[in-house]
């Protein structure tokens, strides 16, 4: 074969199951008034402050509470006879709030927050730290898988493998996004209490890794 010896490659995959350790709770704080926009804003602000006080009692870090999508103004509804949106005479103030907590607090946040907000859903995710650790485990499994395939194929095809000359991790080089695509929704209600807790099933996430090992043939 001369100096340019043939190179052969073997792909390996690794999969690791992991229990999500964080929950993202999506809330909407709504207030409605038929008096004035200011009344709706004031009512919404009161609800939001009560929600934040509740989260503080649960020792949720401020950095894990994100407010977005704040709107206020007249309430509109579609009038099929006029073929356009018309004002109802009510005023709305609405704000989206996302709360990230450890999974142990997910049920308490979802259940308790419903006193002041609509609970749009709870998604369980794997934190970056746990994801990196699990990704390393999956990569080790992928390397072992590729090595086993290399040995098996070499025996089957009567090849003699030489020096390892190439290693590619992850295929496209992108880190898999470790996130559960399972969502749980709870209906908000005025009868909920701040110490209520909903039972949520966390389930499992799967983190994968892929590698390619390249060998020269002897």
Protein backbone atom coordinates (compact mmCIF):
# COMPACT_ATOMS: atom_id res chain seq x y z
CA UNK A 1 0.00 0.00 0.00
CA UNK A 2 3.00 2.34 0.25
CA UNK A 3 3.00 5.33 2.50
CA UNK A 4 -0.66 6.24 1.92
CA UNK A 5 -2.30 3.44 3.82
CA UNK A 6 -6.05 2.98 3.64
CA UNK A 7 -8.09 4.55 6.44
CA UNK A 8 -11.33 2.98 7.69
CA UNK A 9 -13.89 4.62 9.99
CA UNK A 10 -16.35 3.25 12.52
CA UNK A 11 -19.28 5.12 14.07
CA UNK A 12 -20.48 4.63 17.62
CA UNK A 13 -23.51 5.86 19.58
CA UNK A 14 -24.21 6.25 23.27
CA UNK A 15 -27.48 6.86 25.10
CA UNK A 16 -28.00 7.69 28.77
CA UNK A 17 -31.32 8.07 30.58
CA UNK A 18 -31.43 10.86 33.12
CA UNK A 19 -34.12 12.21 35.43
CA UNK A 20 -34.73 15.94 34.80
CA UNK A 21 -33.66 17.99 37.81
CA UNK A 22 -35.35 21.30 36.98
CA UNK A 23 -38.88 22.43 36.14
CA UNK A 24 -39.96 25.46 34.12
CA UNK A 25 -43.39 26.69 35.19
CA UNK A 26 -45.14 29.05 32.75
CA UNK A 27 -47.66 31.44 34.31
CA UNK A 28 -49.91 34.24 33.08
CA UNK A 29 -51.00 36.97 35.49
CA UNK A 30 -54.26 38.49 34.21
CA UNK A 31 -56.46 41.24 35.57
CA UNK A 32 -59.68 42.63 34.11
CA UNK A 33 -61.68 45.75 34.97
CA UNK A 34 -64.71 47.51 33.49
CA UNK A 35 -63.85 50.77 35.29
CA UNK A 36 -60.62 52.00 33.69
CA UNK A 37 -57.26 50.82 32.28
CA UNK A 38 -55.62 52.08 35.46
CA UNK A 39 -57.81 49.81 37.58
CA UNK A 40 -56.84 46.79 35.48
CA UNK A 41 -53.14 47.68 35.77
CA UNK A 42 -53.42 48.16 39.54
CA UNK A 43 -55.23 44.85 39.97
CA UNK A 44 -52.66 43.03 37.84
CA UNK A 45 -49.82 44.61 39.80
CA UNK A 46 -51.38 43.44 43.08
CA UNK A 47 -51.69 39.88 41.79
CA UNK A 48 -48.10 39.92 40.51
CA UNK A 49 -46.76 41.19 43.84
CA UNK A 50 -48.66 38.48 45.72
CA UNK A 51 -47.25 35.87 43.35
CA UNK A 52 -43.70 37.14 43.90
CA UNK A 53 -44.18 37.10 47.68
CA UNK A 54 -45.35 33.49 47.41
CA UNK A 55 -42.27 32.56 45.35
CA UNK A 56 -40.02 34.33 47.84
CA UNK A 57 -41.53 32.25 50.65
CA UNK A 58 -40.51 29.18 48.65
CA UNK A 59 -36.99 30.69 48.40
CA UNK A 60 -37.06 30.86 44.60
CA UNK A 61 -34.06 32.91 43.45
CA UNK A 62 -34.98 36.17 41.70
CA UNK A 63 -32.74 35.25 38.76
CA UNK A 64 -35.01 32.26 38.10
CA UNK A 65 -38.13 34.41 37.72
CA UNK A 66 -38.56 36.00 34.28
CA UNK A 67 -41.34 38.42 33.34
CA UNK A 68 -42.19 39.00 29.68
CA UNK A 69 -45.00 39.85 27.31
CA UNK A 70 -46.65 42.55 29.40
CA UNK A 71 -49.69 44.14 27.73
CA UNK A 72 -52.58 46.34 28.83
CA UNK A 73 -55.48 48.05 27.13
CA UNK A 74 -59.08 47.56 26.07
CA UNK A 75 -60.37 44.04 25.73
CA UNK A 76 -61.28 43.14 22.15
CA UNK A 77 -63.46 40.45 20.69
CA UNK A 78 -64.30 39.61 17.10
CA UNK A 79 -67.69 40.84 15.85
CA UNK A 80 -68.78 38.54 13.03
CA UNK A 81 -71.37 41.03 11.77
CA UNK A 82 -68.85 43.88 11.50
CA UNK A 83 -66.00 41.52 10.52
CA UNK A 84 -63.58 43.19 12.88
CA UNK A 85 -62.47 43.32 16.51
CA UNK A 86 -64.51 45.62 18.73
CA UNK A 87 -64.03 46.78 22.31
CA UNK A 88 -66.06 44.96 24.96
CA UNK A 89 -66.01 47.76 27.51
CA UNK A 90 -63.54 45.91 29.70
CA UNK A 91 -59.83 46.61 30.18
CA UNK A 92 -57.10 43.99 30.48
CA UNK A 93 -53.58 43.87 31.94
CA UNK A 94 -51.62 40.69 31.22
CA UNK A 95 -48.08 39.53 31.95
CA UNK A 96 -46.26 36.24 31.33
CA UNK A 97 -44.04 34.91 34.12
CA UNK A 98 -41.63 31.98 33.79
CA UNK A 99 -40.30 30.32 36.93
CA UNK A 100 -37.41 27.83 36.99
CA UNK A 101 -37.12 25.65 40.11
CA UNK A 102 -35.82 22.29 41.24
CA UNK A 103 -38.21 19.48 40.37
CA UNK A 104 -39.08 18.99 44.05
CA UNK A 105 -40.74 22.42 44.05
CA UNK A 106 -42.61 22.04 40.74
CA UNK A 107 -45.88 20.83 42.22
CA UNK A 108 -45.87 23.41 45.00
CA UNK A 109 -45.22 26.27 42.57
CA UNK A 110 -47.83 25.06 40.07
CA UNK A 111 -50.48 24.46 42.69
CA UNK A 112 -49.84 27.54 44.81
CA UNK A 113 -49.36 30.02 41.96
CA UNK A 114 -52.84 29.26 40.62
CA UNK A 115 -54.27 31.54 43.34
CA UNK A 116 -52.89 34.57 41.47
CA UNK A 117 -52.06 33.33 37.96
CA UNK A 118 -53.14 30.99 35.22
CA UNK A 119 -50.79 28.00 35.05
CA UNK A 120 -50.07 27.43 31.37
CA UNK A 121 -47.86 24.40 31.83
CA UNK A 122 -44.84 22.84 33.50
CA UNK A 123 -41.93 21.45 31.49
CA UNK A 124 -39.21 19.31 33.04
CA UNK A 125 -35.65 19.89 31.81
CA UNK A 126 -32.08 18.84 32.55
CA UNK A 127 -29.80 21.57 33.91
CA UNK A 128 -26.66 22.47 31.95
CA UNK A 129 -24.40 21.04 34.67
CA UNK A 130 -26.18 17.69 34.75
CA UNK A 131 -26.43 17.69 30.94
CA UNK A 132 -22.66 18.12 30.56
CA UNK A 133 -21.99 15.29 33.04
CA UNK A 134 -24.47 12.98 31.32
CA UNK A 135 -23.12 13.96 27.88
CA UNK A 136 -19.67 12.78 28.96
CA UNK A 137 -21.12 9.45 30.07
CA UNK A 138 -22.91 9.06 26.74
CA UNK A 139 -19.70 9.90 24.86
CA UNK A 140 -17.75 7.22 26.75
CA UNK A 141 -20.42 4.70 25.79
CA UNK A 142 -20.26 5.87 22.16
CA UNK A 143 -16.47 5.41 22.07
CA UNK A 144 -16.77 1.89 23.48
CA UNK A 145 -19.48 1.16 20.89
CA UNK A 146 -17.23 2.35 18.04
CA UNK A 147 -14.27 0.35 19.37
CA UNK A 148 -16.41 -2.81 19.59
CA UNK A 149 -17.66 -2.30 16.03
CA UNK A 150 -14.10 -1.77 14.80
CA UNK A 151 -12.93 -5.02 16.36
CA UNK A 152 -15.95 -6.97 15.09
CA UNK A 153 -15.73 -5.64 11.52
CA UNK A 154 -11.98 -6.18 11.40
CA UNK A 155 -12.42 -9.82 12.40
CA UNK A 156 -15.29 -10.36 9.96
CA UNK A 157 -13.49 -8.73 7.01
CA UNK A 158 -10.05 -10.05 7.94
CA UNK A 159 -8.59 -6.58 8.33
CA UNK A 160 -5.67 -5.63 10.54
CA UNK A 161 -6.26 -2.29 12.20
CA UNK A 162 -3.33 -0.02 12.84
CA UNK A 163 -2.98 3.30 14.60
CA UNK A 164 -6.02 5.43 15.51
CA UNK A 165 -5.66 8.50 13.27
CA UNK A 166 -9.00 10.30 13.61
CA UNK A 167 -11.71 11.08 16.12
CA UNK A 168 -14.91 13.04 15.51
CA UNK A 169 -17.36 13.70 18.33
CA UNK A 170 -21.03 14.55 17.96
CA UNK A 171 -21.25 14.34 14.19
CA UNK A 172 -22.42 17.89 13.46
CA UNK A 173 -20.61 19.19 16.51
CA UNK A 174 -23.87 20.35 18.09
CA UNK A 175 -24.63 19.46 21.68
CA UNK A 176 -28.03 17.75 21.99
CA UNK A 177 -30.60 19.88 23.78
CA UNK A 178 -31.54 17.87 26.88
CA UNK A 179 -35.19 18.75 27.30
CA UNK A 180 -38.33 16.84 27.98
CA UNK A 181 -40.99 17.49 25.36
CA UNK A 182 -43.67 16.49 27.82
CA UNK A 183 -45.87 19.20 29.33
CA UNK A 184 -48.36 19.24 32.17
CA UNK A 185 -51.10 21.86 32.42
CA UNK A 186 -53.09 22.75 35.50
CA UNK A 187 -56.19 24.89 35.48
CA UNK A 188 -55.90 27.94 37.70
CA UNK A 189 -58.67 28.62 40.18
CA UNK A 190 -59.49 31.08 42.94
CA UNK A 191 -60.01 28.20 45.31
CA UNK A 192 -56.33 27.25 45.22
CA UNK A 193 -54.20 27.88 48.30
CA UNK A 194 -50.60 29.00 48.53
CA UNK A 195 -49.61 25.78 50.30
CA UNK A 196 -51.34 23.50 47.80
CA UNK A 197 -49.23 21.05 45.88
CA UNK A 198 -49.90 19.24 42.63
CA UNK A 199 -48.46 15.81 41.96
CA UNK A 200 -46.46 15.88 38.71
CA UNK A 201 -44.63 12.99 37.06
CA UNK A 202 -41.11 14.01 36.06
CA UNK A 203 -40.35 11.10 33.74
CA UNK A 204 -36.96 10.66 32.04
CA UNK A 205 -34.90 12.45 29.42
CA UNK A 206 -32.48 10.73 27.06
CA UNK A 207 -29.14 12.30 26.20
CA UNK A 208 -27.23 10.91 23.24
CA UNK A 209 -23.72 11.18 21.83
CA UNK A 210 -22.06 9.97 18.64
CA UNK A 211 -18.42 9.51 17.65
CA UNK A 212 -16.44 8.35 14.64
CA UNK A 213 -13.09 6.57 15.05
CA UNK A 214 -10.72 6.33 12.09
CA UNK A 215 -7.91 3.74 11.85
CA UNK A 216 -5.16 3.10 9.35
CA UNK A 217 -4.99 -0.42 8.01
CA UNK A 218 -1.74 -2.30 8.46
